[in-house]
Amino acid sequence: MAASKKEVSPCPIDTALTVIDGRWKGTILWRLMDGPKRTSELRRSIPEITERMLIRHLHELVDHGILDRRDAQTVPPCVHYELSAYGRTLLPVMDALCTWGRKHLVRAKPTRDATCA
């Protein structure tokens, strides 16, 4: 029986996927591997994502401790997101997933370019 999103699964893979699950979370994390970015920079680098979905995923990743959010308290707002120290522990995992994904793209017929190139 599958665990709901609110339950903590005893399976470590399910636990990890609960944190990074989401249509755009992998792409967001990949974009932040190079360093902090403003919300608007992330939005421009992922043109297919809506602003509402970007903000939702960013808040979820902050809530899980994967990202740090820095608000400059300026007008207009200037908010930067970056991988936290805890979030950087995901780097080898993301690299392995991207490597596997590239191999899978050869088998599958991709509908768009790989975003973690």
PDB file of N, CA and C in Angstrom:
ATOM      1  N   MET A   1       0.831  -1.172   0.000  1.00  0.00           N
ATOM      2  CA  MET A   1       0.000   0.000   0.000  1.00  0.00           C
ATOM      3  C   MET A   1       0.880   1.240   0.000  1.00  0.00           C
ATOM      4  N   ALA A   2       0.601   2.169  -0.881  1.00  0.00           N
ATOM      5  CA  ALA A   2       1.407   3.374  -1.008  1.00  0.00           C
ATOM      6  C   ALA A   2       1.158   4.309   0.165  1.00  0.00           C
ATOM      7  N   ALA A   3       2.225   4.956   0.601  1.00  0.00           N
ATOM      8  CA  ALA A   3       2.098   5.931   1.686  1.00  0.00           C
ATOM      9  C   ALA A   3       1.599   7.249   1.113  1.00  0.00           C
ATOM     10  N   SER A   4       0.757   7.926   1.868  1.00  0.00           N
ATOM     11  CA  SER A   4       0.297   9.235   1.408  1.00  0.00           C
ATOM     12  C   SER A   4       1.432  10.232   1.571  1.00  0.00           C
ATOM     13  N   LYS A   5       1.285  11.390   0.941  1.00  0.00           N
ATOM     14  CA  LYS A   5       2.319  12.417   1.011  1.00  0.00           C
ATOM     15  C   LYS A   5       2.560  12.891   2.444  1.00  0.00           C
ATOM     16  N   LYS A   6       1.568  12.754   3.326  1.00  0.00           N
ATOM     17  CA  LYS A   6       1.704  13.235   4.692  1.00  0.00           C
ATOM     18  C   LYS A   6       2.343  12.199   5.607  1.00  0.00           C
ATOM     19  N   GLU A   7       2.320  10.940   5.207  1.00  0.00           N
ATOM     20  CA  GLU A   7       2.915   9.892   6.019  1.00  0.00           C
ATOM     21  C   GLU A   7       4.390   9.758   5.675  1.00  0.00           C
ATOM     22  N   VAL A   8       5.181   9.377   6.656  1.00  0.00           N
ATOM     23  CA  VAL A   8       6.593   9.102   6.408  1.00  0.00           C
ATOM     24  C   VAL A   8       6.713   7.618   6.112  1.00  0.00           C
ATOM     25  N   SER A   9       7.213   7.321   4.928  1.00  0.00           N
ATOM     26  CA  SER A   9       7.360   5.932   4.525  1.00  0.00           C
ATOM     27  C   SER A   9       8.629   5.343   5.136  1.00  0.00           C
ATOM     28  N   PRO A  10       8.610   4.063   5.484  1.00  0.00           N
ATOM     29  CA  PRO A  10       9.835   3.436   5.974  1.00  0.00           C
ATOM     30  C   PRO A  10      10.839   3.190   4.848  1.00  0.00           C
ATOM     31  N   CYS A  11      10.408   3.335   3.605  1.00  0.00           N
ATOM     32  CA  CYS A  11      11.302   3.127   2.468  1.00  0.00           C
ATOM     33  C   CYS A  11      12.107   4.403   2.196  1.00  0.00           C
ATOM     34  N   PRO A  12      13.432   4.331   2.245  1.00  0.00           N
ATOM     35  CA  PRO A  12      14.242   5.530   2.042  1.00  0.00           C
ATOM     36  C   PRO A  12      14.066   6.148   0.648  1.00  0.00           C
ATOM     37  N   ILE A  13      13.787   5.351  -0.352  1.00  0.00           N
ATOM     38  CA  ILE A  13      13.572   5.896  -1.698  1.00  0.00           C
ATOM     39  C   ILE A  13      12.284   6.704  -1.726  1.00  0.00           C
ATOM     40  N   ASP A  14      11.223   6.174  -1.116  1.00  0.00           N
ATOM     41  CA  ASP A  14       9.967   6.923  -1.033  1.00  0.00           C
ATOM     42  C   ASP A  14      10.159   8.235  -0.280  1.00  0.00           C
ATOM     43  N   THR A  15      10.944   8.194   0.794  1.00  0.00           N
ATOM     44  CA  THR A  15      11.214   9.407   1.569  1.00  0.00           C
ATOM     45  C   THR A  15      11.920  10.446   0.713  1.00  0.00           C
ATOM     46  N   ALA A  16      12.938  10.033  -0.024  1.00  0.00           N
ATOM     47  CA  ALA A  16      13.680  10.955  -0.893  1.00  0.00           C
ATOM     48  C   ALA A  16      12.773  11.520  -1.978  1.00  0.00           C
ATOM     49  N   LEU A  17      11.977  10.658  -2.585  1.00  0.00           N
ATOM     50  CA  LEU A  17      11.101  11.121  -3.656  1.00  0.00           C
ATOM     51  C   LEU A  17      10.016  12.057  -3.146  1.00  0.00           C
ATOM     52  N   THR A  18       9.597  11.898  -1.902  1.00  0.00           N
ATOM     53  CA  THR A  18       8.615  12.803  -1.327  1.00  0.00           C
ATOM     54  C   THR A  18       9.150  14.236  -1.322  1.00  0.00           C
ATOM     55  N   VAL A  19      10.444  14.388  -1.081  1.00  0.00           N
ATOM     56  CA  VAL A  19      11.057  15.709  -1.022  1.00  0.00           C
ATOM     57  C   VAL A  19      11.264  16.292  -2.414  1.00  0.00           C
ATOM     58  N   ILE A  20      11.745  15.491  -3.364  1.00  0.00           N
ATOM     59  CA  ILE A  20      12.097  16.035  -4.685  1.00  0.00           C
ATOM     60  C   ILE A  20      11.040  15.762  -5.744  1.00  0.00           C
ATOM     61  N   ASP A  21       9.917  15.138  -5.331  1.00  0.00           N
ATOM     62  CA  ASP A  21       8.852  14.846  -6.274  1.00  0.00           C
ATOM     63  C   ASP A  21       8.155  16.131  -6.707  1.00  0.00           C
ATOM     64  N   GLY A  22       7.913  16.236  -7.969  1.00  0.00           N
ATOM     65  CA  GLY A  22       7.234  17.410  -8.520  1.00  0.00           C
ATOM     66  C   GLY A  22       7.733  17.618  -9.937  1.00  0.00           C
ATOM     67  N   ARG A  23       6.872  18.038 -10.800  1.00  0.00           N
ATOM     68  CA  ARG A  23       7.206  18.186 -12.218  1.00  0.00           C
ATOM     69  C   ARG A  23       8.442  19.038 -12.451  1.00  0.00           C
ATOM     70  N   TRP A  24       8.653  20.072 -11.637  1.00  0.00           N
ATOM     71  CA  TRP A  24       9.726  21.027 -11.906  1.00  0.00           C
ATOM     72  C   TRP A  24      10.832  21.043 -10.865  1.00  0.00           C
ATOM     73  N   LYS A  25      10.700  20.302  -9.789  1.00  0.00           N
ATOM     74  CA  LYS A  25      11.701  20.397  -8.725  1.00  0.00           C
ATOM     75  C   LYS A  25      13.097  19.998  -9.185  1.00  0.00           C
ATOM     76  N   GLY A  26      13.201  18.957  -9.981  1.00  0.00           N
ATOM     77  CA  GLY A  26      14.517  18.561 -10.489  1.00  0.00           C
ATOM     78  C   GLY A  26      15.150  19.663 -11.318  1.00  0.00           C
ATOM     79  N   THR A  27      14.364  20.301 -12.171  1.00  0.00           N
ATOM     80  CA  THR A  27      14.872  21.381 -13.013  1.00  0.00           C
ATOM     81  C   THR A  27      15.285  22.571 -12.158  1.00  0.00           C
ATOM     82  N   ILE A  28      14.490  22.904 -11.163  1.00  0.00           N
ATOM     83  CA  ILE A  28      14.825  24.008 -10.261  1.00  0.00           C
ATOM     84  C   ILE A  28      16.140  23.720  -9.542  1.00  0.00           C
ATOM     85  N   LEU A  29      16.265  22.522  -8.999  1.00  0.00           N
ATOM     86  CA  LEU A  29      17.495  22.158  -8.298  1.00  0.00           C
ATOM     87  C   LEU A  29      18.692  22.201  -9.241  1.00  0.00           C
ATOM     88  N   TRP A  30      18.498  21.726 -10.467  1.00  0.00           N
ATOM     89  CA  TRP A  30      19.579  21.723 -11.441  1.00  0.00           C
ATOM     90  C   TRP A  30      20.038  23.145 -11.756  1.00  0.00           C
ATOM     91  N   ARG A  31      19.086  24.060 -11.883  1.00  0.00           N
ATOM     92  CA  ARG A  31      19.416  25.459 -12.169  1.00  0.00           C
ATOM     93  C   ARG A  31      20.159  26.118 -11.011  1.00  0.00           C
ATOM     94  N   LEU A  32      19.910  25.653  -9.798  1.00  0.00           N
ATOM     95  CA  LEU A  32      20.555  26.254  -8.631  1.00  0.00           C
ATOM     96  C   LEU A  32      21.898  25.622  -8.293  1.00  0.00           C
ATOM     97  N   MET A  33      22.293  24.606  -9.026  1.00  0.00           N
ATOM     98  CA  MET A  33      23.585  23.970  -8.762  1.00  0.00           C
ATOM     99  C   MET A  33      24.744  24.941  -8.981  1.00  0.00           C
ATOM    100  N   ASP A  34      24.573  25.908  -9.871  1.00  0.00           N
ATOM    101  CA  ASP A  34      25.641  26.865 -10.176  1.00  0.00           C
ATOM    102  C   ASP A  34      25.707  28.019  -9.193  1.00  0.00           C
ATOM    103  N   GLY A  35      24.759  28.112  -8.283  1.00  0.00           N
ATOM    104  CA  GLY A  35      24.776  29.189  -7.304  1.00  0.00           C
ATOM    105  C   GLY A  35      23.414  29.834  -7.159  1.00  0.00           C
ATOM    106  N   PRO A  36      23.337  30.836  -6.267  1.00  0.00           N
ATOM    107  CA  PRO A  36      22.054  31.479  -5.975  1.00  0.00           C
ATOM    108  C   PRO A  36      21.464  32.164  -7.205  1.00  0.00           C
ATOM    109  N   LYS A  37      20.145  32.189  -7.238  1.00  0.00           N
ATOM    110  CA  LYS A  37      19.436  32.864  -8.325  1.00  0.00           C
ATOM    111  C   LYS A  37      18.210  33.572  -7.758  1.00  0.00           C
ATOM    112  N   ARG A  38      17.881  34.687  -8.381  1.00  0.00           N
ATOM    113  CA  ARG A  38      16.655  35.384  -8.037  1.00  0.00           C
ATOM    114  C   ARG A  38      15.477  34.614  -8.610  1.00  0.00           C
ATOM    115  N   THR A  39      14.316  34.830  -8.038  1.00  0.00           N
ATOM    116  CA  THR A  39      13.105  34.173  -8.522  1.00  0.00           C
ATOM    117  C   THR A  39      12.916  34.445 -10.008  1.00  0.00           C
ATOM    118  N   SER A  40      13.128  35.693 -10.423  1.00  0.00           N
ATOM    119  CA  SER A  40      12.939  36.048 -11.834  1.00  0.00           C
ATOM    120  C   SER A  40      13.948  35.344 -12.741  1.00  0.00           C
ATOM    121  N   GLU A  41      15.168  35.130 -12.267  1.00  0.00           N
ATOM    122  CA  GLU A  41      16.165  34.400 -13.061  1.00  0.00           C
ATOM    123  C   GLU A  41      15.729  32.950 -13.263  1.00  0.00           C
ATOM    124  N   LEU A  42      15.229  32.348 -12.188  1.00  0.00           N
ATOM    125  CA  LEU A  42      14.743  30.971 -12.301  1.00  0.00           C
ATOM    126  C   LEU A  42      13.574  30.905 -13.274  1.00  0.00           C
ATOM    127  N   ARG A  43      12.676  31.849 -13.180  1.00  0.00           N
ATOM    128  CA  ARG A  43      11.489  31.875 -14.051  1.00  0.00           C
ATOM    129  C   ARG A  43      11.901  31.969 -15.520  1.00  0.00           C
ATOM    130  N   ARG A  44      12.874  32.838 -15.817  1.00  0.00           N
ATOM    131  CA  ARG A  44      13.346  32.975 -17.201  1.00  0.00           C
ATOM    132  C   ARG A  44      14.089  31.728 -17.682  1.00  0.00           C
ATOM    133  N   SER A  45      14.769  31.035 -16.779  1.00  0.00           N
ATOM    134  CA  SER A  45      15.537  29.858 -17.189  1.00  0.00           C
ATOM    135  C   SER A  45      14.662  28.624 -17.391  1.00  0.00           C
ATOM    136  N   ILE A  46      13.410  28.690 -16.939  1.00  0.00           N
ATOM    137  CA  ILE A  46      12.455  27.589 -17.097  1.00  0.00           C
ATOM    138  C   ILE A  46      11.181  28.175 -17.696  1.00  0.00           C
ATOM    139  N   PRO A  47      11.188  28.508 -18.980  1.00  0.00           N
ATOM    140  CA  PRO A  47      10.055  29.237 -19.559  1.00  0.00           C
ATOM    141  C   PRO A  47       8.724  28.498 -19.508  1.00  0.00           C
ATOM    142  N   GLU A  48       8.735  27.176 -19.401  1.00  0.00           N
ATOM    143  CA  GLU A  48       7.482  26.422 -19.410  1.00  0.00           C
ATOM    144  C   GLU A  48       6.752  26.447 -18.069  1.00  0.00           C
ATOM    145  N   ILE A  49       7.439  26.827 -16.986  1.00  0.00           N
ATOM    146  CA  ILE A  49       6.821  26.791 -15.657  1.00  0.00           C
ATOM    147  C   ILE A  49       6.024  28.075 -15.423  1.00  0.00           C
ATOM    148  N   THR A  50       4.905  27.930 -14.734  1.00  0.00           N
ATOM    149  CA  THR A  50       4.143  29.123 -14.369  1.00  0.00           C
ATOM    150  C   THR A  50       4.763  29.723 -13.100  1.00  0.00           C
ATOM    151  N   GLU A  51       4.541  30.996 -12.905  1.00  0.00           N
ATOM    152  CA  GLU A  51       5.083  31.652 -11.705  1.00  0.00           C
ATOM    153  C   GLU A  51       4.503  31.022 -10.440  1.00  0.00           C
ATOM    154  N   ARG A  52       3.234  30.706 -10.467  1.00  0.00           N
ATOM    155  CA  ARG A  52       2.583  30.088  -9.309  1.00  0.00           C
ATOM    156  C   ARG A  52       3.234  28.741  -8.958  1.00  0.00           C
ATOM    157  N   MET A  53       3.499  27.929  -9.969  1.00  0.00           N
ATOM    158  CA  MET A  53       4.112  26.621  -9.723  1.00  0.00           C
ATOM    159  C   MET A  53       5.558  26.776  -9.251  1.00  0.00           C
ATOM    160  N   LEU A  54       6.282  27.728  -9.821  1.00  0.00           N
ATOM    161  CA  LEU A  54       7.660  27.975  -9.389  1.00  0.00           C
ATOM    162  C   LEU A  54       7.675  28.345  -7.904  1.00  0.00           C
ATOM    163  N   ILE A  55       6.835  29.291  -7.526  1.00  0.00           N
ATOM    164  CA  ILE A  55       6.801  29.731  -6.126  1.00  0.00           C
ATOM    165  C   ILE A  55       6.405  28.581  -5.210  1.00  0.00           C
ATOM    166  N   ARG A  56       5.433  27.790  -5.634  1.00  0.00           N
ATOM    167  CA  ARG A  56       4.991  26.645  -4.825  1.00  0.00           C
ATOM    168  C   ARG A  56       6.135  25.662  -4.585  1.00  0.00           C
ATOM    169  N   HIS A  57       6.841  25.294  -5.669  1.00  0.00           N
ATOM    170  CA  HIS A  57       7.958  24.350  -5.524  1.00  0.00           C
ATOM    171  C   HIS A  57       9.089  24.952  -4.691  1.00  0.00           C
ATOM    172  N   LEU A  58       9.387  26.230  -4.888  1.00  0.00           N
ATOM    173  CA  LEU A  58      10.442  26.875  -4.100  1.00  0.00           C
ATOM    174  C   LEU A  58      10.100  26.836  -2.617  1.00  0.00           C
ATOM    175  N   HIS A  59       8.857  27.142  -2.273  1.00  0.00           N
ATOM    176  CA  HIS A  59       8.452  27.125  -0.863  1.00  0.00           C
ATOM    177  C   HIS A  59       8.525  25.721  -0.281  1.00  0.00           C
ATOM    178  N   GLU A  60       8.128  24.719  -1.060  1.00  0.00           N
ATOM    179  CA  GLU A  60       8.212  23.337  -0.569  1.00  0.00           C
ATOM    180  C   GLU A  60       9.663  22.938  -0.329  1.00  0.00           C
ATOM    181  N   LEU A  61      10.559  23.316  -1.243  1.00  0.00           N
ATOM    182  CA  LEU A  61      11.969  22.975  -1.084  1.00  0.00           C
ATOM    183  C   LEU A  61      12.591  23.711   0.104  1.00  0.00           C
ATOM    184  N   VAL A  62      12.158  24.934   0.348  1.00  0.00           N
ATOM    185  CA  VAL A  62      12.615  25.677   1.533  1.00  0.00           C
ATOM    186  C   VAL A  62      12.095  24.984   2.788  1.00  0.00           C
ATOM    187  N   ASP A  63      10.826  24.593   2.781  1.00  0.00           N
ATOM    188  CA  ASP A  63      10.228  23.920   3.943  1.00  0.00           C
ATOM    189  C   ASP A  63      10.952  22.623   4.290  1.00  0.00           C
ATOM    190  N   HIS A  64      11.457  21.925   3.273  1.00  0.00           N
ATOM    191  CA  HIS A  64      12.190  20.670   3.497  1.00  0.00           C
ATOM    192  C   HIS A  64      13.658  20.909   3.838  1.00  0.00           C
ATOM    193  N   GLY A  65      14.102  22.171   3.814  1.00  0.00           N
ATOM    194  CA  GLY A  65      15.489  22.475   4.148  1.00  0.00           C
ATOM    195  C   GLY A  65      16.453  22.293   2.988  1.00  0.00           C
ATOM    196  N   ILE A  66      15.942  22.054   1.784  1.00  0.00           N
ATOM    197  CA  ILE A  66      16.793  21.833   0.616  1.00  0.00           C
ATOM    198  C   ILE A  66      17.329  23.164   0.082  1.00  0.00           C
ATOM    199  N   LEU A  67      16.513  24.205   0.170  1.00  0.00           N
ATOM    200  CA  LEU A  67      16.914  25.528  -0.299  1.00  0.00           C
ATOM    201  C   LEU A  67      16.924  26.518   0.853  1.00  0.00           C
ATOM    202  N   ASP A  68      17.799  27.516   0.722  1.00  0.00           N
ATOM    203  CA  ASP A  68      17.774  28.676   1.599  1.00  0.00           C
ATOM    204  C   ASP A  68      17.159  29.823   0.808  1.00  0.00           C
ATOM    205  N   ARG A  69      16.339  30.603   1.469  1.00  0.00           N
ATOM    206  CA  ARG A  69      15.688  31.767   0.857  1.00  0.00           C
ATOM    207  C   ARG A  69      16.216  33.015   1.539  1.00  0.00           C
ATOM    208  N   ARG A  70      16.737  33.942   0.735  1.00  0.00           N
ATOM    209  CA  ARG A  70      17.235  35.209   1.272  1.00  0.00           C
ATOM    210  C   ARG A  70      16.424  36.346   0.676  1.00  0.00           C
ATOM    211  N   ASP A  71      15.783  37.094   1.544  1.00  0.00           N
ATOM    212  CA  ASP A  71      14.973  38.230   1.127  1.00  0.00           C
ATOM    213  C   ASP A  71      15.747  39.499   1.482  1.00  0.00           C
ATOM    214  N   ALA A  72      16.058  40.328   0.480  1.00  0.00           N
ATOM    215  CA  ALA A  72      16.835  41.540   0.699  1.00  0.00           C
ATOM    216  C   ALA A  72      16.003  42.644   1.347  1.00  0.00           C
ATOM    217  N   GLN A  73      14.698  42.420   1.533  1.00  0.00           N
ATOM    218  CA  GLN A  73      13.809  43.400   2.157  1.00  0.00           C
ATOM    219  C   GLN A  73      13.854  44.742   1.420  1.00  0.00           C
ATOM    220  N   THR A  74      13.813  44.680   0.090  1.00  0.00           N
ATOM    221  CA  THR A  74      13.843  45.890  -0.725  1.00  0.00           C
ATOM    222  C   THR A  74      12.532  46.030  -1.490  1.00  0.00           C
ATOM    223  N   VAL A  75      12.338  47.210  -2.048  1.00  0.00           N
ATOM    224  CA  VAL A  75      11.209  47.454  -2.944  1.00  0.00           C
ATOM    225  C   VAL A  75      11.812  47.893  -4.262  1.00  0.00           C
ATOM    226  N   PRO A  76      11.552  47.178  -5.352  1.00  0.00           N
ATOM    227  CA  PRO A  76      10.768  45.951  -5.453  1.00  0.00           C
ATOM    228  C   PRO A  76      11.481  44.781  -4.759  1.00  0.00           C
ATOM    229  N   PRO A  77      10.717  43.740  -4.458  1.00  0.00           N
ATOM    230  CA  PRO A  77      11.297  42.600  -3.733  1.00  0.00           C
ATOM    231  C   PRO A  77      12.460  41.962  -4.486  1.00  0.00           C
ATOM    232  N   CYS A  78      13.465  41.581  -3.734  1.00  0.00           N
ATOM    233  CA  CYS A  78      14.628  40.886  -4.292  1.00  0.00           C
ATOM    234  C   CYS A  78      14.879  39.653  -3.424  1.00  0.00           C
ATOM    235  N   VAL A  79      14.463  38.500  -3.921  1.00  0.00           N
ATOM    236  CA  VAL A  79      14.590  37.246  -3.170  1.00  0.00           C
ATOM    237  C   VAL A  79      15.515  36.319  -3.946  1.00  0.00           C
ATOM    238  N   HIS A  80      16.502  35.789  -3.239  1.00  0.00           N
ATOM    239  CA  HIS A  80      17.429  34.819  -3.823  1.00  0.00           C
ATOM    240  C   HIS A  80      17.189  33.449  -3.201  1.00  0.00           C
ATOM    241  N   TYR A  81      17.330  32.432  -4.018  1.00  0.00           N
ATOM    242  CA  TYR A  81      17.257  31.052  -3.545  1.00  0.00           C
ATOM    243  C   TYR A  81      18.578  30.381  -3.862  1.00  0.00           C
ATOM    244  N   GLU A  82      19.021  29.525  -2.953  1.00  0.00           N
ATOM    245  CA  GLU A  82      20.228  28.742  -3.196  1.00  0.00           C
ATOM    246  C   GLU A  82      20.123  27.419  -2.457  1.00  0.00           C
ATOM    247  N   LEU A  83      20.909  26.456  -2.911  1.00  0.00           N
ATOM    248  CA  LEU A  83      20.951  25.170  -2.223  1.00  0.00           C
ATOM    249  C   LEU A  83      21.518  25.379  -0.826  1.00  0.00           C
ATOM    250  N   SER A  84      20.868  24.823   0.156  1.00  0.00           N
ATOM    251  CA  SER A  84      21.391  24.864   1.521  1.00  0.00           C
ATOM    252  C   SER A  84      22.523  23.841   1.624  1.00  0.00           C
ATOM    253  N   ALA A  85      23.214  23.847   2.743  1.00  0.00           N
ATOM    254  CA  ALA A  85      24.251  22.827   2.961  1.00  0.00           C
ATOM    255  C   ALA A  85      23.620  21.434   2.863  1.00  0.00           C
ATOM    256  N   TYR A  86      22.443  21.292   3.449  1.00  0.00           N
ATOM    257  CA  TYR A  86      21.719  20.023   3.375  1.00  0.00           C
ATOM    258  C   TYR A  86      21.326  19.718   1.940  1.00  0.00           C
ATOM    259  N   GLY A  87      20.869  20.723   1.205  1.00  0.00           N
ATOM    260  CA  GLY A  87      20.482  20.545  -0.195  1.00  0.00           C
ATOM    261  C   GLY A  87      21.654  20.135  -1.069  1.00  0.00           C
ATOM    262  N   ARG A  88      22.847  20.617  -0.734  1.00  0.00           N
ATOM    263  CA  ARG A  88      24.033  20.243  -1.529  1.00  0.00           C
ATOM    264  C   ARG A  88      24.360  18.764  -1.402  1.00  0.00           C
ATOM    265  N   THR A  89      23.833  18.100  -0.367  1.00  0.00           N
ATOM    266  CA  THR A  89      24.045  16.657  -0.257  1.00  0.00           C
ATOM    267  C   THR A  89      23.305  15.911  -1.369  1.00  0.00           C
ATOM    268  N   LEU A  90      22.376  16.603  -2.033  1.00  0.00           N
ATOM    269  CA  LEU A  90      21.650  16.012  -3.169  1.00  0.00           C
ATOM    270  C   LEU A  90      22.446  16.054  -4.478  1.00  0.00           C
ATOM    271  N   LEU A  91      23.534  16.816  -4.528  1.00  0.00           N
ATOM    272  CA  LEU A  91      24.272  16.978  -5.784  1.00  0.00           C
ATOM    273  C   LEU A  91      24.704  15.658  -6.413  1.00  0.00           C
ATOM    274  N   PRO A  92      25.307  14.731  -5.662  1.00  0.00           N
ATOM    275  CA  PRO A  92      25.672  13.459  -6.296  1.00  0.00           C
ATOM    276  C   PRO A  92      24.456  12.665  -6.757  1.00  0.00           C
ATOM    277  N   VAL A  93      23.362  12.778  -6.030  1.00  0.00           N
ATOM    278  CA  VAL A  93      22.126  12.086  -6.405  1.00  0.00           C
ATOM    279  C   VAL A  93      21.590  12.664  -7.714  1.00  0.00           C
ATOM    280  N   MET A  94      21.554  13.999  -7.806  1.00  0.00           N
ATOM    281  CA  MET A  94      21.064  14.646  -9.030  1.00  0.00           C
ATOM    282  C   MET A  94      21.958  14.325 -10.214  1.00  0.00           C
ATOM    283  N   ASP A  95      23.268  14.274  -9.978  1.00  0.00           N
ATOM    284  CA  ASP A  95      24.193  13.928 -11.054  1.00  0.00           C
ATOM    285  C   ASP A  95      23.936  12.504 -11.529  1.00  0.00           C
ATOM    286  N   ALA A  96      23.725  11.582 -10.594  1.00  0.00           N
ATOM    287  CA  ALA A  96      23.445  10.189 -10.968  1.00  0.00           C
ATOM    288  C   ALA A  96      22.116  10.081 -11.716  1.00  0.00           C
ATOM    289  N   LEU A  97      21.093  10.814 -11.262  1.00  0.00           N
ATOM    290  CA  LEU A  97      19.799  10.792 -11.955  1.00  0.00           C
ATOM    291  C   LEU A  97      19.923  11.350 -13.367  1.00  0.00           C
ATOM    292  N   CYS A  98      20.702  12.398 -13.523  1.00  0.00           N
ATOM    293  CA  CYS A  98      20.873  12.984 -14.853  1.00  0.00           C
ATOM    294  C   CYS A  98      21.620  12.016 -15.777  1.00  0.00           C
ATOM    295  N   THR A  99      22.628  11.350 -15.246  1.00  0.00           N
ATOM    296  CA  THR A  99      23.361  10.363 -16.043  1.00  0.00           C
ATOM    297  C   THR A  99      22.420   9.246 -16.486  1.00  0.00           C
ATOM    298  N   TRP A 100      21.609   8.747 -15.562  1.00  0.00           N
ATOM    299  CA  TRP A 100      20.642   7.703 -15.908  1.00  0.00           C
ATOM    300  C   TRP A 100      19.632   8.239 -16.918  1.00  0.00           C
ATOM    301  N   GLY A 101      19.173   9.463 -16.702  1.00  0.00           N
ATOM    302  CA  GLY A 101      18.205  10.068 -17.612  1.00  0.00           C
ATOM    303  C   GLY A 101      18.740  10.204 -19.035  1.00  0.00           C
ATOM    304  N   ARG A 102      20.004  10.586 -19.168  1.00  0.00           N
ATOM    305  CA  ARG A 102      20.607  10.686 -20.505  1.00  0.00           C
ATOM    306  C   ARG A 102      20.601   9.323 -21.199  1.00  0.00           C
ATOM    307  N   LYS A 103      20.928   8.280 -20.441  1.00  0.00           N
ATOM    308  CA  LYS A 103      20.923   6.929 -21.018  1.00  0.00           C
ATOM    309  C   LYS A 103      19.500   6.520 -21.395  1.00  0.00           C
ATOM    310  N   HIS A 104      18.542   6.892 -20.575  1.00  0.00           N
ATOM    311  CA  HIS A 104      17.152   6.547 -20.851  1.00  0.00           C
ATOM    312  C   HIS A 104      16.632   7.308 -22.070  1.00  0.00           C
ATOM    313  N   LEU A 105      17.089   8.546 -22.256  1.00  0.00           N
ATOM    314  CA  LEU A 105      16.663   9.325 -23.422  1.00  0.00           C
ATOM    315  C   LEU A 105      16.992   8.612 -24.729  1.00  0.00           C
ATOM    316  N   VAL A 106      18.072   7.871 -24.724  1.00  0.00           N
ATOM    317  CA  VAL A 106      18.454   7.110 -25.917  1.00  0.00           C
ATOM    318  C   VAL A 106      17.417   6.029 -26.200  1.00  0.00           C
ATOM    319  N   ARG A 107      16.874   5.424 -25.156  1.00  0.00           N
ATOM    320  CA  ARG A 107      15.864   4.370 -25.300  1.00  0.00           C
ATOM    321  C   ARG A 107      14.488   4.931 -25.590  1.00  0.00           C
ATOM    322  N   ALA A 108      14.166   6.033 -24.946  1.00  0.00           N
ATOM    323  CA  ALA A 108      12.845   6.647 -25.118  1.00  0.00           C
ATOM    324  C   ALA A 108      12.900   7.637 -26.269  1.00  0.00           C
ATOM    325  N   LYS A 109      11.765   7.983 -26.755  1.00  0.00           N
ATOM    326  CA  LYS A 109      11.704   9.006 -27.785  1.00  0.00           C
ATOM    327  C   LYS A 109      11.372  10.326 -27.100  1.00  0.00           C
ATOM    328  N   PRO A 110      12.392  11.157 -26.869  1.00  0.00           N
ATOM    329  CA  PRO A 110      12.157  12.385 -26.116  1.00  0.00           C
ATOM    330  C   PRO A 110      11.245  13.357 -26.880  1.00  0.00           C
ATOM    331  N   THR A 111      10.459  14.081 -26.083  1.00  0.00           N
ATOM    332  CA  THR A 111       9.570  15.072 -26.673  1.00  0.00           C
ATOM    333  C   THR A 111      10.165  16.474 -26.558  1.00  0.00           C
ATOM    334  N   ARG A 112      11.215  16.618 -25.776  1.00  0.00           N
ATOM    335  CA  ARG A 112      11.878  17.912 -25.637  1.00  0.00           C
ATOM    336  C   ARG A 112      13.334  17.682 -25.237  1.00  0.00           C
ATOM    337  N   ASP A 113      14.121  18.733 -25.291  1.00  0.00           N
ATOM    338  CA  ASP A 113      15.530  18.641 -24.939  1.00  0.00           C
ATOM    339  C   ASP A 113      15.689  18.323 -23.460  1.00  0.00           C
ATOM    340  N   ALA A 114      16.775  17.649 -23.127  1.00  0.00           N
ATOM    341  CA  ALA A 114      17.086  17.388 -21.729  1.00  0.00           C
ATOM    342  C   ALA A 114      17.420  18.701 -21.052  1.00  0.00           C
ATOM    343  N   THR A 115      16.822  18.947 -19.886  1.00  0.00           N
ATOM    344  CA  THR A 115      17.037  20.225 -19.215  1.00  0.00           C
ATOM    345  C   THR A 115      18.250  20.214 -18.290  1.00  0.00           C
ATOM    346  N   CYS A 116      18.844  19.078 -18.056  1.00  0.00           N
ATOM    347  CA  CYS A 116      20.000  19.038 -17.141  1.00  0.00           C
ATOM    348  C   CYS A 116      21.287  18.832 -17.901  1.00  0.00           C
ATOM    349  N   ALA A 117      21.350  19.333 -19.096  1.00  0.00           N
ATOM    350  CA  ALA A 117      22.540  19.170 -19.931  1.00  0.00           C
ATOM    351  C   ALA A 117      23.668  19.876 -19.350  1.00  0.00           C
TER     352      ALA A 117
END
